[in-house]
Amino acid sequence: MSGNNKKDYSSIPTPETCYADFCLVPVGTASPSVAKEVASVQKLLASSGVKYTMHSAGTTLEGSWDQVFRVIGQAHSLVHQGGVVRVQTSMRVGTR
């Protein structure tokens, strides 16, 4: 593509709604149990206003794109604030 045909992608909006299935894993904790971290994230989810379902392989969130990704970012920050140095998340995201 030549320099004169560059498309301006900055005006493309994010999707209005989405669902995200994510699995947040605290790495390097002193204990093999992550119950404390899961409980703190569950409290965050409950107060977020985003529809969520926790299951054995993670959590599914449904809401606006910005809300869903903000809550996942807040979950990372919350776990870090609890003393976990590294947090890894795997996710799948879908839109309609």
PDB file of N, CA and C in Angstrom:
ATOM      1  N   MET A   1       0.849  -1.162   0.000  1.00  0.00           N
ATOM      2  CA  MET A   1       0.000   0.000   0.000  1.00  0.00           C
ATOM      3  C   MET A   1       0.901   1.234   0.000  1.00  0.00           C
ATOM      4  N   SER A   2       0.662   2.135  -0.891  1.00  0.00           N
ATOM      5  CA  SER A   2       1.494   3.332  -0.965  1.00  0.00           C
ATOM      6  C   SER A   2       1.137   4.294   0.158  1.00  0.00           C
ATOM      7  N   GLY A   3       1.979   5.245   0.414  1.00  0.00           N
ATOM      8  CA  GLY A   3       1.793   6.216   1.480  1.00  0.00           C
ATOM      9  C   GLY A   3       0.529   7.038   1.338  1.00  0.00           C
ATOM     10  N   ASN A   4       0.028   7.225   0.137  1.00  0.00           N
ATOM     11  CA  ASN A   4      -1.171   8.029  -0.090  1.00  0.00           C
ATOM     12  C   ASN A   4      -2.462   7.268   0.207  1.00  0.00           C
ATOM     13  N   ASN A   5      -2.394   5.970   0.340  1.00  0.00           N
ATOM     14  CA  ASN A   5      -3.592   5.160   0.542  1.00  0.00           C
ATOM     15  C   ASN A   5      -3.733   4.658   1.976  1.00  0.00           C
ATOM     16  N   LYS A   6      -3.110   5.310   2.932  1.00  0.00           N
ATOM     17  CA  LYS A   6      -3.201   4.872   4.324  1.00  0.00           C
ATOM     18  C   LYS A   6      -4.597   5.116   4.863  1.00  0.00           C
ATOM     19  N   LYS A   7      -5.152   4.104   5.483  1.00  0.00           N
ATOM     20  CA  LYS A   7      -6.473   4.197   6.097  1.00  0.00           C
ATOM     21  C   LYS A   7      -6.322   4.702   7.524  1.00  0.00           C
ATOM     22  N   ASP A   8      -7.225   5.571   7.922  1.00  0.00           N
ATOM     23  CA  ASP A   8      -7.237   6.076   9.297  1.00  0.00           C
ATOM     24  C   ASP A   8      -8.070   5.124  10.155  1.00  0.00           C
ATOM     25  N   TYR A   9      -7.411   4.308  10.960  1.00  0.00           N
ATOM     26  CA  TYR A   9      -8.101   3.330  11.798  1.00  0.00           C
ATOM     27  C   TYR A   9      -8.553   3.921  13.131  1.00  0.00           C
ATOM     28  N   SER A  10      -8.153   5.131  13.448  1.00  0.00           N
ATOM     29  CA  SER A  10      -8.445   5.707  14.762  1.00  0.00           C
ATOM     30  C   SER A  10      -9.933   5.932  14.996  1.00  0.00           C
ATOM     31  N   SER A  11     -10.739   5.999  13.942  1.00  0.00           N
ATOM     32  CA  SER A  11     -12.174   6.260  14.121  1.00  0.00           C
ATOM     33  C   SER A  11     -13.006   4.975  14.203  1.00  0.00           C
ATOM     34  N   ILE A  12     -12.378   3.809  14.098  1.00  0.00           N
ATOM     35  CA  ILE A  12     -13.131   2.559  14.191  1.00  0.00           C
ATOM     36  C   ILE A  12     -13.495   2.334  15.660  1.00  0.00           C
ATOM     37  N   PRO A  13     -14.785   2.200  15.949  1.00  0.00           N
ATOM     38  CA  PRO A  13     -15.185   2.002  17.357  1.00  0.00           C
ATOM     39  C   PRO A  13     -14.973   0.565  17.806  1.00  0.00           C
ATOM     40  N   THR A  14     -14.931   0.365  19.111  1.00  0.00           N
ATOM     41  CA  THR A  14     -14.931  -0.991  19.648  1.00  0.00           C
ATOM     42  C   THR A  14     -16.368  -1.507  19.590  1.00  0.00           C
ATOM     43  N   PRO A  15     -16.562  -2.827  19.621  1.00  0.00           N
ATOM     44  CA  PRO A  15     -17.924  -3.360  19.597  1.00  0.00           C
ATOM     45  C   PRO A  15     -18.728  -2.861  20.801  1.00  0.00           C
ATOM     46  N   GLU A  16     -20.033  -2.722  20.592  1.00  0.00           N
ATOM     47  CA  GLU A  16     -20.891  -2.210  21.665  1.00  0.00           C
ATOM     48  C   GLU A  16     -20.922  -3.154  22.863  1.00  0.00           C
ATOM     49  N   THR A  17     -21.097  -4.454  22.596  1.00  0.00           N
ATOM     50  CA  THR A  17     -21.139  -5.433  23.677  1.00  0.00           C
ATOM     51  C   THR A  17     -20.236  -6.609  23.350  1.00  0.00           C
ATOM     52  N   CYS A  18     -19.896  -7.363  24.379  1.00  0.00           N
ATOM     53  CA  CYS A  18     -19.074  -8.555  24.182  1.00  0.00           C
ATOM     54  C   CYS A  18     -19.261  -9.493  25.352  1.00  0.00           C
ATOM     55  N   TYR A  19     -18.724 -10.681  25.186  1.00  0.00           N
ATOM     56  CA  TYR A  19     -18.571 -11.592  26.314  1.00  0.00           C
ATOM     57  C   TYR A  19     -17.108 -11.999  26.335  1.00  0.00           C
ATOM     58  N   ALA A  20     -16.582 -12.215  27.507  1.00  0.00           N
ATOM     59  CA  ALA A  20     -15.193 -12.648  27.650  1.00  0.00           C
ATOM     60  C   ALA A  20     -15.142 -13.780  28.664  1.00  0.00           C
ATOM     61  N   ASP A  21     -14.555 -14.872  28.254  1.00  0.00           N
ATOM     62  CA  ASP A  21     -14.312 -15.985  29.144  1.00  0.00           C
ATOM     63  C   ASP A  21     -12.842 -15.878  29.534  1.00  0.00           C
ATOM     64  N   PHE A  22     -12.574 -15.627  30.821  1.00  0.00           N
ATOM     65  CA  PHE A  22     -11.177 -15.447  31.225  1.00  0.00           C
ATOM     66  C   PHE A  22     -10.821 -16.300  32.431  1.00  0.00           C
ATOM     67  N   CYS A  23      -9.550 -16.645  32.474  1.00  0.00           N
ATOM     68  CA  CYS A  23      -9.000 -17.425  33.579  1.00  0.00           C
ATOM     69  C   CYS A  23      -7.772 -16.681  34.086  1.00  0.00           C
ATOM     70  N   LEU A  24      -7.897 -16.090  35.254  1.00  0.00           N
ATOM     71  CA  LEU A  24      -6.824 -15.304  35.869  1.00  0.00           C
ATOM     72  C   LEU A  24      -6.033 -16.219  36.805  1.00  0.00           C
ATOM     73  N   VAL A  25      -4.722 -16.241  36.633  1.00  0.00           N
ATOM     74  CA  VAL A  25      -3.871 -17.128  37.433  1.00  0.00           C
ATOM     75  C   VAL A  25      -2.795 -16.306  38.141  1.00  0.00           C
ATOM     76  N   PRO A  26      -2.852 -16.254  39.494  1.00  0.00           N
ATOM     77  CA  PRO A  26      -1.761 -15.637  40.249  1.00  0.00           C
ATOM     78  C   PRO A  26      -0.528 -16.540  40.154  1.00  0.00           C
ATOM     79  N   VAL A  27       0.606 -15.986  39.819  1.00  0.00           N
ATOM     80  CA  VAL A  27       1.823 -16.778  39.638  1.00  0.00           C
ATOM     81  C   VAL A  27       2.802 -16.459  40.760  1.00  0.00           C
ATOM     82  N   GLY A  28       3.358 -17.515  41.358  1.00  0.00           N
ATOM     83  CA  GLY A  28       4.392 -17.331  42.365  1.00  0.00           C
ATOM     84  C   GLY A  28       3.871 -17.025  43.752  1.00  0.00           C
ATOM     85  N   THR A  29       2.682 -17.520  44.088  1.00  0.00           N
ATOM     86  CA  THR A  29       2.170 -17.292  45.442  1.00  0.00           C
ATOM     87  C   THR A  29       2.846 -18.266  46.402  1.00  0.00           C
ATOM     88  N   ALA A  30       2.781 -17.952  47.670  1.00  0.00           N
ATOM     89  CA  ALA A  30       3.418 -18.787  48.687  1.00  0.00           C
ATOM     90  C   ALA A  30       2.667 -20.095  48.911  1.00  0.00           C
ATOM     91  N   SER A  31       1.417 -20.150  48.481  1.00  0.00           N
ATOM     92  CA  SER A  31       0.578 -21.320  48.711  1.00  0.00           C
ATOM     93  C   SER A  31       0.003 -21.824  47.386  1.00  0.00           C
ATOM     94  N   PRO A  32      -0.223 -23.137  47.277  1.00  0.00           N
ATOM     95  CA  PRO A  32      -0.872 -23.634  46.058  1.00  0.00           C
ATOM     96  C   PRO A  32      -2.340 -23.214  45.962  1.00  0.00           C
ATOM     97  N   SER A  33      -2.940 -22.793  47.073  1.00  0.00           N
ATOM     98  CA  SER A  33      -4.326 -22.339  47.078  1.00  0.00           C
ATOM     99  C   SER A  33      -4.413 -20.895  46.579  1.00  0.00           C
ATOM    100  N   VAL A  34      -5.406 -20.638  45.747  1.00  0.00           N
ATOM    101  CA  VAL A  34      -5.648 -19.261  45.279  1.00  0.00           C
ATOM    102  C   VAL A  34      -7.028 -18.795  45.738  1.00  0.00           C
ATOM    103  N   ALA A  35      -7.561 -19.419  46.789  1.00  0.00           N
ATOM    104  CA  ALA A  35      -8.898 -19.099  47.291  1.00  0.00           C
ATOM    105  C   ALA A  35      -9.021 -17.631  47.689  1.00  0.00           C
ATOM    106  N   LYS A  36      -7.981 -17.083  48.304  1.00  0.00           N
ATOM    107  CA  LYS A  36      -8.015 -15.679  48.734  1.00  0.00           C
ATOM    108  C   LYS A  36      -8.148 -14.755  47.523  1.00  0.00           C
ATOM    109  N   GLU A  37      -7.383 -15.026  46.495  1.00  0.00           N
ATOM    110  CA  GLU A  37      -7.418 -14.197  45.290  1.00  0.00           C
ATOM    111  C   GLU A  37      -8.765 -14.344  44.557  1.00  0.00           C
ATOM    112  N   VAL A  38      -9.274 -15.575  44.483  1.00  0.00           N
ATOM    113  CA  VAL A  38     -10.564 -15.806  43.835  1.00  0.00           C
ATOM    114  C   VAL A  38     -11.673 -15.072  44.586  1.00  0.00           C
ATOM    115  N   ALA A  39     -11.645 -15.116  45.896  1.00  0.00           N
ATOM    116  CA  ALA A  39     -12.665 -14.429  46.702  1.00  0.00           C
ATOM    117  C   ALA A  39     -12.622 -12.921  46.484  1.00  0.00           C
ATOM    118  N   SER A  40     -11.430 -12.354  46.408  1.00  0.00           N
ATOM    119  CA  SER A  40     -11.332 -10.906  46.214  1.00  0.00           C
ATOM    120  C   SER A  40     -11.818 -10.509  44.824  1.00  0.00           C
ATOM    121  N   VAL A  41     -11.512 -11.316  43.811  1.00  0.00           N
ATOM    122  CA  VAL A  41     -11.987 -11.031  42.452  1.00  0.00           C
ATOM    123  C   VAL A  41     -13.503 -11.195  42.390  1.00  0.00           C
ATOM    124  N   GLN A  42     -14.047 -12.183  43.076  1.00  0.00           N
ATOM    125  CA  GLN A  42     -15.501 -12.371  43.083  1.00  0.00           C
ATOM    126  C   GLN A  42     -16.208 -11.157  43.683  1.00  0.00           C
ATOM    127  N   LYS A  43     -15.664 -10.583  44.743  1.00  0.00           N
ATOM    128  CA  LYS A  43     -16.250  -9.372  45.337  1.00  0.00           C
ATOM    129  C   LYS A  43     -16.209  -8.217  44.338  1.00  0.00           C
ATOM    130  N   LEU A  44     -15.107  -8.079  43.623  1.00  0.00           N
ATOM    131  CA  LEU A  44     -14.991  -7.049  42.592  1.00  0.00           C
ATOM    132  C   LEU A  44     -16.061  -7.251  41.525  1.00  0.00           C
ATOM    133  N   LEU A  45     -16.203  -8.487  41.035  1.00  0.00           N
ATOM    134  CA  LEU A  45     -17.182  -8.783  39.998  1.00  0.00           C
ATOM    135  C   LEU A  45     -18.595  -8.456  40.470  1.00  0.00           C
ATOM    136  N   ALA A  46     -18.912  -8.825  41.688  1.00  0.00           N
ATOM    137  CA  ALA A  46     -20.254  -8.590  42.231  1.00  0.00           C
ATOM    138  C   ALA A  46     -20.576  -7.099  42.314  1.00  0.00           C
ATOM    139  N   SER A  47     -19.572  -6.285  42.569  1.00  0.00           N
ATOM    140  CA  SER A  47     -19.807  -4.840  42.700  1.00  0.00           C
ATOM    141  C   SER A  47     -19.674  -4.097  41.374  1.00  0.00           C
ATOM    142  N   SER A  48     -19.258  -4.789  40.309  1.00  0.00           N
ATOM    143  CA  SER A  48     -18.955  -4.120  39.039  1.00  0.00           C
ATOM    144  C   SER A  48     -20.185  -3.768  38.207  1.00  0.00           C
ATOM    145  N   GLY A  49     -21.286  -4.483  38.403  1.00  0.00           N
ATOM    146  CA  GLY A  49     -22.460  -4.270  37.571  1.00  0.00           C
ATOM    147  C   GLY A  49     -22.419  -5.042  36.266  1.00  0.00           C
ATOM    148  N   VAL A  50     -21.314  -5.733  36.003  1.00  0.00           N
ATOM    149  CA  VAL A  50     -21.183  -6.548  34.796  1.00  0.00           C
ATOM    150  C   VAL A  50     -21.753  -7.936  35.102  1.00  0.00           C
ATOM    151  N   LYS A  51     -22.527  -8.484  34.175  1.00  0.00           N
ATOM    152  CA  LYS A  51     -23.055  -9.829  34.351  1.00  0.00           C
ATOM    153  C   LYS A  51     -21.895 -10.819  34.314  1.00  0.00           C
ATOM    154  N   TYR A  52     -21.852 -11.730  35.284  1.00  0.00           N
ATOM    155  CA  TYR A  52     -20.749 -12.689  35.317  1.00  0.00           C
ATOM    156  C   TYR A  52     -21.220 -14.048  35.779  1.00  0.00           C
ATOM    157  N   THR A  53     -20.501 -15.064  35.356  1.00  0.00           N
ATOM    158  CA  THR A  53     -20.713 -16.437  35.801  1.00  0.00           C
ATOM    159  C   THR A  53     -19.345 -17.039  36.078  1.00  0.00           C
ATOM    160  N   MET A  54     -19.140 -17.459  37.308  1.00  0.00           N
ATOM    161  CA  MET A  54     -17.887 -18.133  37.656  1.00  0.00           C
ATOM    162  C   MET A  54     -18.101 -19.637  37.453  1.00  0.00           C
ATOM    163  N   HIS A  55     -17.094 -20.303  36.918  1.00  0.00           N
ATOM    164  CA  HIS A  55     -17.171 -21.750  36.686  1.00  0.00           C
ATOM    165  C   HIS A  55     -15.812 -22.373  36.952  1.00  0.00           C
ATOM    166  N   SER A  56     -15.717 -23.671  36.809  1.00  0.00           N
ATOM    167  CA  SER A  56     -14.500 -24.379  37.204  1.00  0.00           C
ATOM    168  C   SER A  56     -13.276 -23.997  36.388  1.00  0.00           C
ATOM    169  N   ALA A  57     -13.457 -23.453  35.183  1.00  0.00           N
ATOM    170  CA  ALA A  57     -12.321 -23.111  34.332  1.00  0.00           C
ATOM    171  C   ALA A  57     -12.105 -21.602  34.206  1.00  0.00           C
ATOM    172  N   GLY A  58     -12.802 -20.822  35.025  1.00  0.00           N
ATOM    173  CA  GLY A  58     -12.626 -19.371  34.958  1.00  0.00           C
ATOM    174  C   GLY A  58     -13.926 -18.634  35.174  1.00  0.00           C
ATOM    175  N   THR A  59     -14.091 -17.520  34.470  1.00  0.00           N
ATOM    176  CA  THR A  59     -15.255 -16.655  34.627  1.00  0.00           C
ATOM    177  C   THR A  59     -15.669 -16.116  33.270  1.00  0.00           C
ATOM    178  N   THR A  60     -16.978 -16.030  33.058  1.00  0.00           N
ATOM    179  CA  THR A  60     -17.497 -15.412  31.850  1.00  0.00           C
ATOM    180  C   THR A  60     -18.142 -14.088  32.231  1.00  0.00           C
ATOM    181  N   LEU A  61     -17.747 -13.021  31.545  1.00  0.00           N
ATOM    182  CA  LEU A  61     -18.314 -11.692  31.740  1.00  0.00           C
ATOM    183  C   LEU A  61     -19.114 -11.312  30.512  1.00  0.00           C
ATOM    184  N   GLU A  62     -20.204 -10.571  30.710  1.00  0.00           N
ATOM    185  CA  GLU A  62     -20.993 -10.055  29.595  1.00  0.00           C
ATOM    186  C   GLU A  62     -21.321  -8.593  29.874  1.00  0.00           C
ATOM    187  N   GLY A  63     -21.062  -7.733  28.891  1.00  0.00           N
ATOM    188  CA  GLY A  63     -21.363  -6.317  29.057  1.00  0.00           C
ATOM    189  C   GLY A  63     -20.770  -5.513  27.931  1.00  0.00           C
ATOM    190  N   SER A  64     -20.637  -4.229  28.158  1.00  0.00           N
ATOM    191  CA  SER A  64     -20.009  -3.404  27.131  1.00  0.00           C
ATOM    192  C   SER A  64     -18.529  -3.761  27.052  1.00  0.00           C
ATOM    193  N   TRP A  65     -17.969  -3.555  25.877  1.00  0.00           N
ATOM    194  CA  TRP A  65     -16.543  -3.838  25.673  1.00  0.00           C
ATOM    195  C   TRP A  65     -15.701  -3.147  26.735  1.00  0.00           C
ATOM    196  N   ASP A  66     -15.965  -1.854  26.933  1.00  0.00           N
ATOM    197  CA  ASP A  66     -15.160  -1.088  27.889  1.00  0.00           C
ATOM    198  C   ASP A  66     -15.338  -1.582  29.316  1.00  0.00           C
ATOM    199  N   GLN A  67     -16.572  -1.920  29.710  1.00  0.00           N
ATOM    200  CA  GLN A  67     -16.807  -2.428  31.066  1.00  0.00           C
ATOM    201  C   GLN A  67     -16.089  -3.752  31.293  1.00  0.00           C
ATOM    202  N   VAL A  68     -16.229  -4.657  30.346  1.00  0.00           N
ATOM    203  CA  VAL A  68     -15.648  -5.994  30.494  1.00  0.00           C
ATOM    204  C   VAL A  68     -14.128  -5.913  30.635  1.00  0.00           C
ATOM    205  N   PHE A  69     -13.490  -5.141  29.763  1.00  0.00           N
ATOM    206  CA  PHE A  69     -12.030  -5.071  29.831  1.00  0.00           C
ATOM    207  C   PHE A  69     -11.541  -4.251  31.017  1.00  0.00           C
ATOM    208  N   ARG A  70     -12.346  -3.280  31.459  1.00  0.00           N
ATOM    209  CA  ARG A  70     -11.974  -2.531  32.665  1.00  0.00           C
ATOM    210  C   ARG A  70     -11.982  -3.462  33.873  1.00  0.00           C
ATOM    211  N   VAL A  71     -13.023  -4.302  33.989  1.00  0.00           N
ATOM    212  CA  VAL A  71     -13.125  -5.211  35.138  1.00  0.00           C
ATOM    213  C   VAL A  71     -11.979  -6.224  35.135  1.00  0.00           C
ATOM    214  N   ILE A  72     -11.619  -6.745  33.984  1.00  0.00           N
ATOM    215  CA  ILE A  72     -10.486  -7.689  33.922  1.00  0.00           C
ATOM    216  C   ILE A  72      -9.199  -6.984  34.358  1.00  0.00           C
ATOM    217  N   GLY A  73      -9.002  -5.756  33.908  1.00  0.00           N
ATOM    218  CA  GLY A  73      -7.829  -4.986  34.341  1.00  0.00           C
ATOM    219  C   GLY A  73      -7.858  -4.708  35.831  1.00  0.00           C
ATOM    220  N   GLN A  74      -9.036  -4.377  36.354  1.00  0.00           N
ATOM    221  CA  GLN A  74      -9.155  -4.144  37.797  1.00  0.00           C
ATOM    222  C   GLN A  74      -8.878  -5.419  38.582  1.00  0.00           C
ATOM    223  N   ALA A  75      -9.291  -6.573  38.051  1.00  0.00           N
ATOM    224  CA  ALA A  75      -9.004  -7.844  38.722  1.00  0.00           C
ATOM    225  C   ALA A  75      -7.495  -8.060  38.817  1.00  0.00           C
ATOM    226  N   HIS A  76      -6.777  -7.754  37.743  1.00  0.00           N
ATOM    227  CA  HIS A  76      -5.314  -7.854  37.781  1.00  0.00           C
ATOM    228  C   HIS A  76      -4.751  -6.936  38.866  1.00  0.00           C
ATOM    229  N   SER A  77      -5.178  -5.690  38.875  1.00  0.00           N
ATOM    230  CA  SER A  77      -4.664  -4.729  39.862  1.00  0.00           C
ATOM    231  C   SER A  77      -4.986  -5.164  41.285  1.00  0.00           C
ATOM    232  N   LEU A  78      -6.191  -5.682  41.493  1.00  0.00           N
ATOM    233  CA  LEU A  78      -6.594  -6.130  42.822  1.00  0.00           C
ATOM    234  C   LEU A  78      -5.707  -7.268  43.317  1.00  0.00           C
ATOM    235  N   VAL A  79      -5.423  -8.232  42.452  1.00  0.00           N
ATOM    236  CA  VAL A  79      -4.567  -9.355  42.845  1.00  0.00           C
ATOM    237  C   VAL A  79      -3.140  -8.874  43.097  1.00  0.00           C
ATOM    238  N   HIS A  80      -2.654  -7.948  42.279  1.00  0.00           N
ATOM    239  CA  HIS A  80      -1.330  -7.362  42.531  1.00  0.00           C
ATOM    240  C   HIS A  80      -1.308  -6.648  43.887  1.00  0.00           C
ATOM    241  N   GLN A  81      -2.364  -5.904  44.194  1.00  0.00           N
ATOM    242  CA  GLN A  81      -2.431  -5.196  45.482  1.00  0.00           C
ATOM    243  C   GLN A  81      -2.402  -6.159  46.660  1.00  0.00           C
ATOM    244  N   GLY A  82      -2.828  -7.400  46.427  1.00  0.00           N
ATOM    245  CA  GLY A  82      -2.782  -8.422  47.472  1.00  0.00           C
ATOM    246  C   GLY A  82      -1.410  -9.048  47.641  1.00  0.00           C
ATOM    247  N   GLY A  83      -0.424  -8.559  46.893  1.00  0.00           N
ATOM    248  CA  GLY A  83       0.946  -9.025  47.062  1.00  0.00           C
ATOM    249  C   GLY A  83       1.445  -9.982  45.996  1.00  0.00           C
ATOM    250  N   VAL A  84       0.620 -10.306  45.022  1.00  0.00           N
ATOM    251  CA  VAL A  84       1.049 -11.210  43.951  1.00  0.00           C
ATOM    252  C   VAL A  84       1.816 -10.392  42.914  1.00  0.00           C
ATOM    253  N   VAL A  85       3.036 -10.806  42.619  1.00  0.00           N
ATOM    254  CA  VAL A  85       3.905 -10.047  41.723  1.00  0.00           C
ATOM    255  C   VAL A  85       3.521 -10.241  40.259  1.00  0.00           C
ATOM    256  N   ARG A  86       3.091 -11.449  39.910  1.00  0.00           N
ATOM    257  CA  ARG A  86       2.794 -11.731  38.512  1.00  0.00           C
ATOM    258  C   ARG A  86       1.403 -12.350  38.385  1.00  0.00           C
ATOM    259  N   VAL A  87       0.641 -11.853  37.409  1.00  0.00           N
ATOM    260  CA  VAL A  87      -0.702 -12.364  37.147  1.00  0.00           C
ATOM    261  C   VAL A  87      -0.799 -12.666  35.649  1.00  0.00           C
ATOM    262  N   GLN A  88      -1.260 -13.855  35.339  1.00  0.00           N
ATOM    263  CA  GLN A  88      -1.402 -14.284  33.948  1.00  0.00           C
ATOM    264  C   GLN A  88      -2.871 -14.540  33.668  1.00  0.00           C
ATOM    265  N   THR A  89      -3.387 -14.014  32.567  1.00  0.00           N
ATOM    266  CA  THR A  89      -4.779 -14.271  32.193  1.00  0.00           C
ATOM    267  C   THR A  89      -4.845 -14.804  30.772  1.00  0.00           C
ATOM    268  N   SER A  90      -5.626 -15.867  30.611  1.00  0.00           N
ATOM    269  CA  SER A  90      -5.978 -16.378  29.284  1.00  0.00           C
ATOM    270  C   SER A  90      -7.435 -16.021  29.075  1.00  0.00           C
ATOM    271  N   MET A  91      -7.773 -15.621  27.836  1.00  0.00           N
ATOM    272  CA  MET A  91      -9.176 -15.298  27.593  1.00  0.00           C
ATOM    273  C   MET A  91      -9.580 -15.531  26.157  1.00  0.00           C
ATOM    274  N   ARG A  92     -10.881 -15.697  26.008  1.00  0.00           N
ATOM    275  CA  ARG A  92     -11.531 -15.743  24.698  1.00  0.00           C
ATOM    276  C   ARG A  92     -12.611 -14.693  24.734  1.00  0.00           C
ATOM    277  N   VAL A  93     -12.719 -13.939  23.652  1.00  0.00           N
ATOM    278  CA  VAL A  93     -13.690 -12.856  23.590  1.00  0.00           C
ATOM    279  C   VAL A  93     -14.545 -13.039  22.353  1.00  0.00           C
ATOM    280  N   GLY A  94     -15.829 -12.789  22.500  1.00  0.00           N
ATOM    281  CA  GLY A  94     -16.734 -12.883  21.367  1.00  0.00           C
ATOM    282  C   GLY A  94     -17.646 -11.670  21.297  1.00  0.00           C
ATOM    283  N   THR A  95     -18.080 -11.355  20.089  1.00  0.00           N
ATOM    284  CA  THR A  95     -19.014 -10.246  19.872  1.00  0.00           C
ATOM    285  C   THR A  95     -20.070 -10.686  18.871  1.00  0.00           C
ATOM    286  N   ARG A  96     -21.179  -9.978  18.871  1.00  0.00           N
ATOM    287  CA  ARG A  96     -22.255 -10.210  17.895  1.00  0.00           C
ATOM    288  C   ARG A  96     -22.570  -8.909  17.224  1.00  0.00           C
TER     289      ARG A  96
END
